[in-house]
Amino acid sequence: MNAQGRSYRYVGPVELKAAVRPGDGGRRIVSAADFGSWIVEQSAAELTEPFTFVIDMDGVLRLAPRRSEHVACAGGDMVLSAGEISFMREADRWTVSEVSNQSTGYCPDVTSWAEVAQALDAVDLRRPPGFTHEVAFRRCPDCQEHNIVREDDFICVFCGSDLPATWNVDPTA
């Protein structure tokens, strides 16, 4: 864990991480000007879908097209959060309309919101008070498979075992 919060290493398919090449990585957005330059490059069609995002280990927002893998957006590195994010134009500025921690490659806990909020605030993006869609990830203690908990049903979909109440996806975290 770092000073900002828990960090997450990639826990998804190894072949996806192996495909990451030097120079891969989402666009680093460190200022409102960076976001302004990036958003005008996006097509109208792209703006109708969420984008892939990570918060890198420096606490910086990185953005990539939706169909990008989170591990590629992160350049293969550890992250402070990951998920999907949508933007909309509100009067004279861009705002975050939806944001989730949905990343099956990093499986970040919902507690990673604090790092997302800090990164969005740093680039002056109006945002919701929390994830608009929270995903609860758990690793089954019996079969070791990663699960998405749905409707507070903490039962492994692979083997039927009980899942823990607290985040446990990465045993080394």
Protein backbone atom coordinates (compact mmCIF):
# COMPACT_ATOMS: atom_id res chain seq x y z
CA MET A 1 0.00 0.00 0.00
CA ASN A 2 1.28 3.46 -0.78
CA ALA A 3 0.57 6.79 0.88
CA GLN A 4 -2.47 7.36 -1.35
CA GLY A 5 -4.21 4.00 -0.81
CA ARG A 6 -4.09 0.38 -1.86
CA SER A 7 -2.36 -0.35 -5.13
CA TYR A 8 -3.54 -3.04 -7.52
CA ARG A 9 -1.41 -5.26 -9.66
CA TYR A 10 -2.77 -6.83 -12.81
CA VAL A 11 -4.52 -10.14 -12.04
CA GLY A 12 -6.10 -10.81 -15.44
CA PRO A 13 -5.02 -13.14 -18.27
CA VAL A 14 -1.24 -13.26 -18.59
CA GLU A 15 -1.40 -13.08 -22.39
CA LEU A 16 -3.00 -9.63 -22.20
CA LYS A 17 -0.20 -8.28 -20.03
CA ALA A 18 2.40 -9.96 -22.26
CA ALA A 19 0.94 -8.05 -25.23
CA VAL A 20 1.68 -4.66 -23.62
CA ARG A 21 4.59 -2.97 -25.38
CA PRO A 22 6.82 -0.06 -24.36
CA GLY A 23 5.00 3.15 -25.10
CA ASP A 24 1.58 1.59 -24.55
CA GLY A 25 -0.57 3.35 -22.05
CA GLY A 26 -3.52 5.64 -21.95
CA ARG A 27 -3.21 9.38 -22.35
CA ARG A 28 -1.97 10.92 -19.11
CA ILE A 29 -4.27 13.74 -18.05
CA VAL A 30 -2.46 15.93 -15.54
CA SER A 31 -4.31 19.20 -16.07
CA ALA A 32 -7.58 20.69 -17.30
CA ALA A 33 -5.70 21.72 -20.47
CA ASP A 34 -4.61 18.09 -21.04
CA PHE A 35 -8.21 16.94 -20.73
CA GLY A 36 -9.39 19.71 -23.06
CA SER A 37 -6.85 18.68 -25.70
CA TRP A 38 -7.74 14.99 -25.34
CA ILE A 39 -11.54 15.36 -25.39
CA VAL A 40 -11.61 17.35 -28.65
CA GLU A 41 -9.73 14.49 -30.34
CA GLN A 42 -12.61 12.10 -29.56
CA SER A 43 -15.28 11.46 -32.18
CA ALA A 44 -18.99 11.90 -31.52
CA ALA A 45 -19.35 8.10 -31.68
CA GLU A 46 -16.57 7.59 -29.11
CA LEU A 47 -18.22 10.06 -26.76
CA THR A 48 -21.39 7.93 -26.67
CA GLU A 49 -19.50 5.08 -24.97
CA PRO A 50 -17.52 4.95 -21.75
CA PHE A 51 -13.74 5.17 -21.89
CA THR A 52 -11.25 2.90 -20.18
CA PHE A 53 -9.42 4.63 -17.34
CA VAL A 54 -6.79 3.91 -14.74
CA ILE A 55 -5.33 6.00 -11.97
CA ASP A 56 -1.61 5.37 -12.23
CA MET A 57 0.80 5.08 -9.31
CA ASP A 58 1.44 8.84 -9.47
CA GLY A 59 -2.29 9.45 -8.92
CA VAL A 60 -2.72 10.61 -12.53
CA LEU A 61 -5.78 9.84 -14.65
CA ARG A 62 -5.04 7.88 -17.84
CA LEU A 63 -7.68 7.53 -20.54
CA ALA A 64 -8.01 5.14 -23.48
CA PRO A 65 -10.76 3.99 -25.85
CA ARG A 66 -13.37 1.71 -24.28
CA ARG A 67 -12.22 -1.47 -25.93
CA SER A 68 -8.69 -0.97 -24.62
CA GLU A 69 -7.47 -3.33 -21.95
CA HIS A 70 -6.87 -1.71 -18.58
CA VAL A 71 -3.41 -3.26 -18.41
CA ALA A 72 -2.51 -1.58 -21.72
CA CYS A 73 -3.95 1.74 -20.50
CA ALA A 74 -1.67 1.40 -17.46
CA GLY A 75 1.35 0.47 -19.57
CA GLY A 76 1.48 -2.85 -17.70
CA ASP A 77 2.05 -1.14 -14.35
CA MET A 78 0.25 -1.29 -11.03
CA VAL A 79 -2.62 1.16 -10.50
CA LEU A 80 -4.52 2.91 -7.71
CA SER A 81 -7.86 2.29 -9.49
CA ALA A 82 -9.29 1.26 -12.84
CA GLY A 83 -12.65 1.18 -14.53
CA GLU A 84 -14.87 2.85 -17.09
CA ILE A 85 -15.78 6.53 -17.30
CA SER A 86 -18.19 8.65 -19.38
CA PHE A 87 -18.22 12.38 -19.96
CA MET A 88 -20.92 14.83 -20.96
CA ARG A 89 -20.98 18.50 -21.79
CA GLU A 90 -22.84 20.50 -19.18
CA ALA A 91 -23.29 24.19 -20.00
CA ASP A 92 -19.75 25.47 -20.46
CA ARG A 93 -17.72 22.52 -19.15
CA TRP A 94 -17.16 18.79 -19.31
CA THR A 95 -18.34 16.65 -16.41
CA VAL A 96 -18.11 13.00 -15.46
CA SER A 97 -21.55 11.51 -16.04
CA GLU A 98 -20.75 7.91 -15.08
CA VAL A 99 -17.78 6.17 -13.54
CA SER A 100 -17.27 2.61 -12.30
CA ASN A 101 -14.52 0.41 -10.94
CA GLN A 102 -15.33 -2.23 -13.55
CA SER A 103 -11.98 -3.72 -14.48
CA THR A 104 -11.65 -7.49 -14.47
CA GLY A 105 -7.91 -7.13 -15.07
CA TYR A 106 -7.22 -5.21 -11.84
CA CYS A 107 -10.43 -5.89 -9.86
CA PRO A 108 -10.10 -2.73 -7.76
CA ASP A 109 -12.08 -2.40 -4.55
CA VAL A 110 -14.81 0.23 -4.29
CA THR A 111 -12.58 1.98 -1.73
CA SER A 112 -10.39 3.09 -4.65
CA TRP A 113 -12.92 5.89 -5.25
CA ALA A 114 -10.82 8.28 -3.15
CA GLU A 115 -7.96 8.07 -5.68
CA VAL A 116 -10.35 8.50 -8.62
CA ALA A 117 -11.93 11.57 -7.00
CA GLN A 118 -8.52 13.09 -6.29
CA ALA A 119 -7.36 12.57 -9.90
CA LEU A 120 -10.57 14.05 -11.33
CA ASP A 121 -10.39 17.02 -8.96
CA ALA A 122 -6.78 17.63 -10.01
CA VAL A 123 -7.91 18.21 -13.60
CA ASP A 124 -10.97 20.24 -12.58
CA LEU A 125 -13.59 17.78 -13.79
CA ARG A 126 -16.96 17.97 -12.05
CA ARG A 127 -17.77 14.48 -10.80
CA PRO A 128 -20.33 12.44 -8.87
CA PRO A 129 -19.78 11.84 -5.13
CA GLY A 130 -18.78 8.21 -5.74
CA PHE A 131 -18.77 5.45 -8.31
CA THR A 132 -22.08 5.55 -10.18
CA HIS A 133 -21.79 1.79 -10.61
CA GLU A 134 -19.85 -0.12 -7.93
CA VAL A 135 -18.49 -3.58 -8.69
CA ALA A 136 -17.60 -5.88 -5.79
CA PHE A 137 -14.77 -8.24 -6.77
CA ARG A 138 -13.84 -11.27 -4.66
CA ARG A 139 -11.50 -14.24 -5.05
CA CYS A 140 -12.98 -17.56 -3.97
CA PRO A 141 -10.92 -18.98 -1.10
CA ASP A 142 -11.68 -22.53 -2.29
CA CYS A 143 -11.32 -22.55 -6.09
CA GLN A 144 -9.31 -19.26 -6.37
CA GLU A 145 -11.50 -17.92 -9.21
CA HIS A 146 -12.29 -14.21 -9.41
CA ASN A 147 -15.96 -13.35 -8.96
CA ILE A 148 -18.17 -10.32 -9.42
CA VAL A 149 -20.61 -10.20 -6.53
CA ARG A 150 -24.12 -9.47 -7.76
CA GLU A 151 -27.06 -8.40 -5.61
CA ASP A 152 -25.06 -8.96 -2.40
CA ASP A 153 -24.92 -12.72 -3.13
CA PHE A 154 -21.46 -13.61 -1.80
CA ILE A 155 -21.42 -17.10 -3.32
CA CYS A 156 -18.80 -18.26 -5.83
CA VAL A 157 -20.40 -18.74 -9.25
CA PHE A 158 -17.77 -21.38 -10.07
CA CYS A 159 -17.89 -23.72 -7.06
CA GLY A 160 -20.68 -22.49 -4.78
CA SER A 161 -18.43 -21.61 -1.83
CA ASP A 162 -18.98 -18.58 0.36
CA LEU A 163 -17.06 -15.47 -0.65
CA PRO A 164 -15.53 -13.14 1.95
CA ALA A 165 -17.24 -9.88 2.85
CA THR A 166 -14.07 -7.86 2.26
CA TRP A 167 -11.92 -7.43 -0.85
CA ASN A 168 -9.35 -10.23 -1.26
CA VAL A 169 -8.66 -10.53 -5.00
CA ASP A 170 -4.88 -10.16 -4.83
CA PRO A 171 -3.36 -12.19 -2.01
CA THR A 172 -0.10 -10.23 -2.24
CA ALA A 173 -1.78 -6.84 -1.78
